[in-house]
Amino acid sequence: MDRPEVPTDEQLRRLKNTVMGAGFRLSQLAKSGQVPDESMRELASISQELTNAALRLERLLAGLRRSG
């Protein structure tokens, strides 16, 4: 049975939320004190990159909604 295709903007919204959630979780883990300092810095860096990617996705999504 074929599933109906999810609209592109909805797919992007879901992906943005997933990326934001992953960034937040990595940030929390970095702040937890449960990882060595070197790993903490790397997790914080990855978290920031994911946050930036989520913001880029949000801008892209807003543009698609305006033009669509």
N, C-alpha and C. Protein backbone atom coordinates (compact mmCIF):
# COMPACT_ATOMS: atom_id res chain seq x y z
N MET A 1 0.85 -1.18 0.00
CA MET A 1 0.00 0.00 0.00
C MET A 1 0.90 1.25 0.00
N ASP A 2 0.64 2.16 -0.93
CA ASP A 2 1.42 3.39 -1.01
C ASP A 2 0.96 4.38 0.06
N ARG A 3 1.96 5.01 0.68
CA ARG A 3 1.63 6.06 1.65
C ARG A 3 1.60 7.39 0.92
N PRO A 4 0.72 8.28 1.33
CA PRO A 4 0.71 9.60 0.68
C PRO A 4 2.02 10.33 0.96
N GLU A 5 2.49 11.06 -0.03
CA GLU A 5 3.74 11.77 0.11
C GLU A 5 3.58 12.95 1.06
N VAL A 6 4.53 13.10 1.95
CA VAL A 6 4.52 14.21 2.91
C VAL A 6 5.03 15.46 2.18
N PRO A 7 4.32 16.58 2.30
CA PRO A 7 4.76 17.80 1.61
C PRO A 7 6.19 18.20 2.03
N THR A 8 6.89 18.80 1.10
CA THR A 8 8.29 19.18 1.32
C THR A 8 8.45 20.06 2.55
N ASP A 9 7.58 21.06 2.70
CA ASP A 9 7.74 21.96 3.84
C ASP A 9 7.56 21.21 5.17
N GLU A 10 6.68 20.23 5.19
CA GLU A 10 6.49 19.44 6.41
C GLU A 10 7.71 18.56 6.67
N GLN A 11 8.28 18.00 5.63
CA GLN A 11 9.51 17.21 5.79
C GLN A 11 10.63 18.08 6.36
N LEU A 12 10.78 19.28 5.82
CA LEU A 12 11.82 20.19 6.30
C LEU A 12 11.57 20.60 7.74
N ARG A 13 10.31 20.84 8.09
CA ARG A 13 9.99 21.22 9.47
C ARG A 13 10.37 20.09 10.43
N ARG A 14 10.04 18.87 10.06
CA ARG A 14 10.38 17.73 10.91
C ARG A 14 11.89 17.56 11.04
N LEU A 15 12.59 17.68 9.93
CA LEU A 15 14.05 17.55 9.96
C LEU A 15 14.68 18.66 10.81
N LYS A 16 14.17 19.88 10.67
CA LYS A 16 14.68 20.99 11.47
C LYS A 16 14.49 20.70 12.95
N ASN A 17 13.33 20.19 13.32
CA ASN A 17 13.07 19.87 14.73
C ASN A 17 13.98 18.76 15.22
N THR A 18 14.26 17.78 14.37
CA THR A 18 15.17 16.70 14.73
C THR A 18 16.58 17.24 14.96
N VAL A 19 17.03 18.10 14.06
CA VAL A 19 18.37 18.69 14.18
C VAL A 19 18.44 19.55 15.44
N MET A 20 17.41 20.34 15.69
CA MET A 20 17.39 21.17 16.90
C MET A 20 17.44 20.30 18.16
N GLY A 21 16.67 19.23 18.15
CA GLY A 21 16.65 18.33 19.31
C GLY A 21 18.00 17.68 19.55
N ALA A 22 18.64 17.26 18.47
CA ALA A 22 19.96 16.64 18.61
C ALA A 22 20.97 17.65 19.13
N GLY A 23 20.92 18.87 18.63
CA GLY A 23 21.83 19.91 19.11
C GLY A 23 21.62 20.21 20.58
N PHE A 24 20.36 20.28 20.98
CA PHE A 24 20.05 20.55 22.39
C PHE A 24 20.55 19.41 23.28
N ARG A 25 20.30 18.18 22.84
CA ARG A 25 20.72 17.02 23.65
C ARG A 25 22.23 16.96 23.78
N LEU A 26 22.95 17.25 22.71
CA LEU A 26 24.42 17.27 22.78
C LEU A 26 24.90 18.38 23.71
N SER A 27 24.24 19.51 23.67
CA SER A 27 24.59 20.61 24.56
C SER A 27 24.41 20.21 26.02
N GLN A 28 23.28 19.56 26.30
CA GLN A 28 23.02 19.10 27.66
C GLN A 28 24.07 18.09 28.11
N LEU A 29 24.43 17.18 27.23
CA LEU A 29 25.44 16.18 27.55
C LEU A 29 26.80 16.83 27.81
N ALA A 30 27.13 17.84 27.01
CA ALA A 30 28.40 18.54 27.19
C ALA A 30 28.45 19.24 28.55
N LYS A 31 27.32 19.74 29.01
CA LYS A 31 27.24 20.46 30.28
C LYS A 31 27.09 19.54 31.49
N SER A 32 26.88 18.27 31.24
CA SER A 32 26.53 17.33 32.32
C SER A 32 27.69 16.98 33.24
N GLY A 33 28.91 17.16 32.76
CA GLY A 33 30.06 16.74 33.55
C GLY A 33 30.34 15.25 33.46
N GLN A 34 29.63 14.56 32.59
CA GLN A 34 29.78 13.12 32.44
C GLN A 34 30.79 12.72 31.38
N VAL A 35 31.35 13.70 30.70
CA VAL A 35 32.34 13.42 29.65
C VAL A 35 33.61 14.21 29.94
N PRO A 36 34.76 13.71 29.49
CA PRO A 36 36.02 14.44 29.70
C PRO A 36 35.97 15.81 29.02
N ASP A 37 36.84 16.71 29.48
CA ASP A 37 36.85 18.09 28.97
C ASP A 37 37.00 18.15 27.45
N GLU A 38 37.91 17.36 26.90
CA GLU A 38 38.12 17.39 25.45
C GLU A 38 36.84 17.00 24.71
N SER A 39 36.18 15.97 25.19
CA SER A 39 34.92 15.54 24.59
C SER A 39 33.83 16.58 24.80
N MET A 40 33.84 17.22 25.95
CA MET A 40 32.86 18.26 26.25
C MET A 40 32.97 19.39 25.22
N ARG A 41 34.18 19.81 24.94
CA ARG A 41 34.38 20.89 23.96
C ARG A 41 33.91 20.46 22.57
N GLU A 42 34.21 19.23 22.20
CA GLU A 42 33.80 18.73 20.88
C GLU A 42 32.28 18.63 20.80
N LEU A 43 31.64 18.13 21.85
CA LEU A 43 30.18 18.06 21.87
C LEU A 43 29.56 19.45 21.78
N ALA A 44 30.13 20.40 22.48
CA ALA A 44 29.62 21.77 22.44
C ALA A 44 29.76 22.35 21.03
N SER A 45 30.87 22.05 20.38
CA SER A 45 31.09 22.53 19.02
C SER A 45 30.09 21.92 18.05
N ILE A 46 29.88 20.63 18.15
CA ILE A 46 28.91 19.95 17.29
C ILE A 46 27.51 20.50 17.56
N SER A 47 27.20 20.71 18.81
CA SER A 47 25.90 21.26 19.18
C SER A 47 25.69 22.62 18.51
N GLN A 48 26.71 23.46 18.53
CA GLN A 48 26.60 24.79 17.90
C GLN A 48 26.40 24.66 16.39
N GLU A 49 27.12 23.74 15.77
CA GLU A 49 26.96 23.53 14.33
C GLU A 49 25.54 23.07 14.00
N LEU A 50 24.98 22.19 14.83
CA LEU A 50 23.62 21.73 14.60
C LEU A 50 22.61 22.86 14.81
N THR A 51 22.85 23.68 15.79
CA THR A 51 21.97 24.84 16.02
C THR A 51 22.00 25.76 14.81
N ASN A 52 23.19 26.01 14.28
CA ASN A 52 23.31 26.85 13.08
C ASN A 52 22.59 26.22 11.89
N ALA A 53 22.72 24.91 11.74
CA ALA A 53 22.04 24.21 10.64
C ALA A 53 20.53 24.32 10.80
N ALA A 54 20.03 24.20 12.02
CA ALA A 54 18.59 24.31 12.26
C ALA A 54 18.09 25.71 11.91
N LEU A 55 18.89 26.72 12.24
CA LEU A 55 18.50 28.10 11.89
C LEU A 55 18.47 28.28 10.37
N ARG A 56 19.44 27.69 9.68
CA ARG A 56 19.45 27.76 8.22
C ARG A 56 18.23 27.06 7.64
N LEU A 57 17.88 25.91 8.19
CA LEU A 57 16.69 25.19 7.73
C LEU A 57 15.43 26.02 7.98
N GLU A 58 15.37 26.69 9.11
CA GLU A 58 14.21 27.54 9.43
C GLU A 58 14.08 28.67 8.41
N ARG A 59 15.19 29.29 8.05
CA ARG A 59 15.14 30.37 7.04
C ARG A 59 14.71 29.82 5.68
N LEU A 60 15.24 28.65 5.32
CA LEU A 60 14.86 28.02 4.07
C LEU A 60 13.36 27.70 4.06
N LEU A 61 12.88 27.15 5.15
CA LEU A 61 11.48 26.81 5.27
C LEU A 61 10.60 28.06 5.17
N ALA A 62 11.01 29.12 5.82
CA ALA A 62 10.24 30.37 5.75
C ALA A 62 10.17 30.88 4.32
N GLY A 63 11.29 30.78 3.59
CA GLY A 63 11.31 31.21 2.20
C GLY A 63 10.40 30.36 1.33
N LEU A 64 10.40 29.07 1.57
CA LEU A 64 9.52 28.18 0.80
C LEU A 64 8.06 28.49 1.07
N ARG A 65 7.75 28.78 2.31
CA ARG A 65 6.35 29.09 2.66
C ARG A 65 5.90 30.41 2.04
N ARG A 66 6.80 31.39 2.00
CA ARG A 66 6.46 32.67 1.39
C ARG A 66 6.23 32.53 -0.13
N SER A 67 7.07 31.70 -0.76
CA SER A 67 6.97 31.57 -2.22
C SER A 67 5.94 30.53 -2.65
N GLY A 68 5.50 29.70 -1.71
CA GLY A 68 4.61 28.61 -2.08
C GLY A 68 3.19 28.96 -1.94
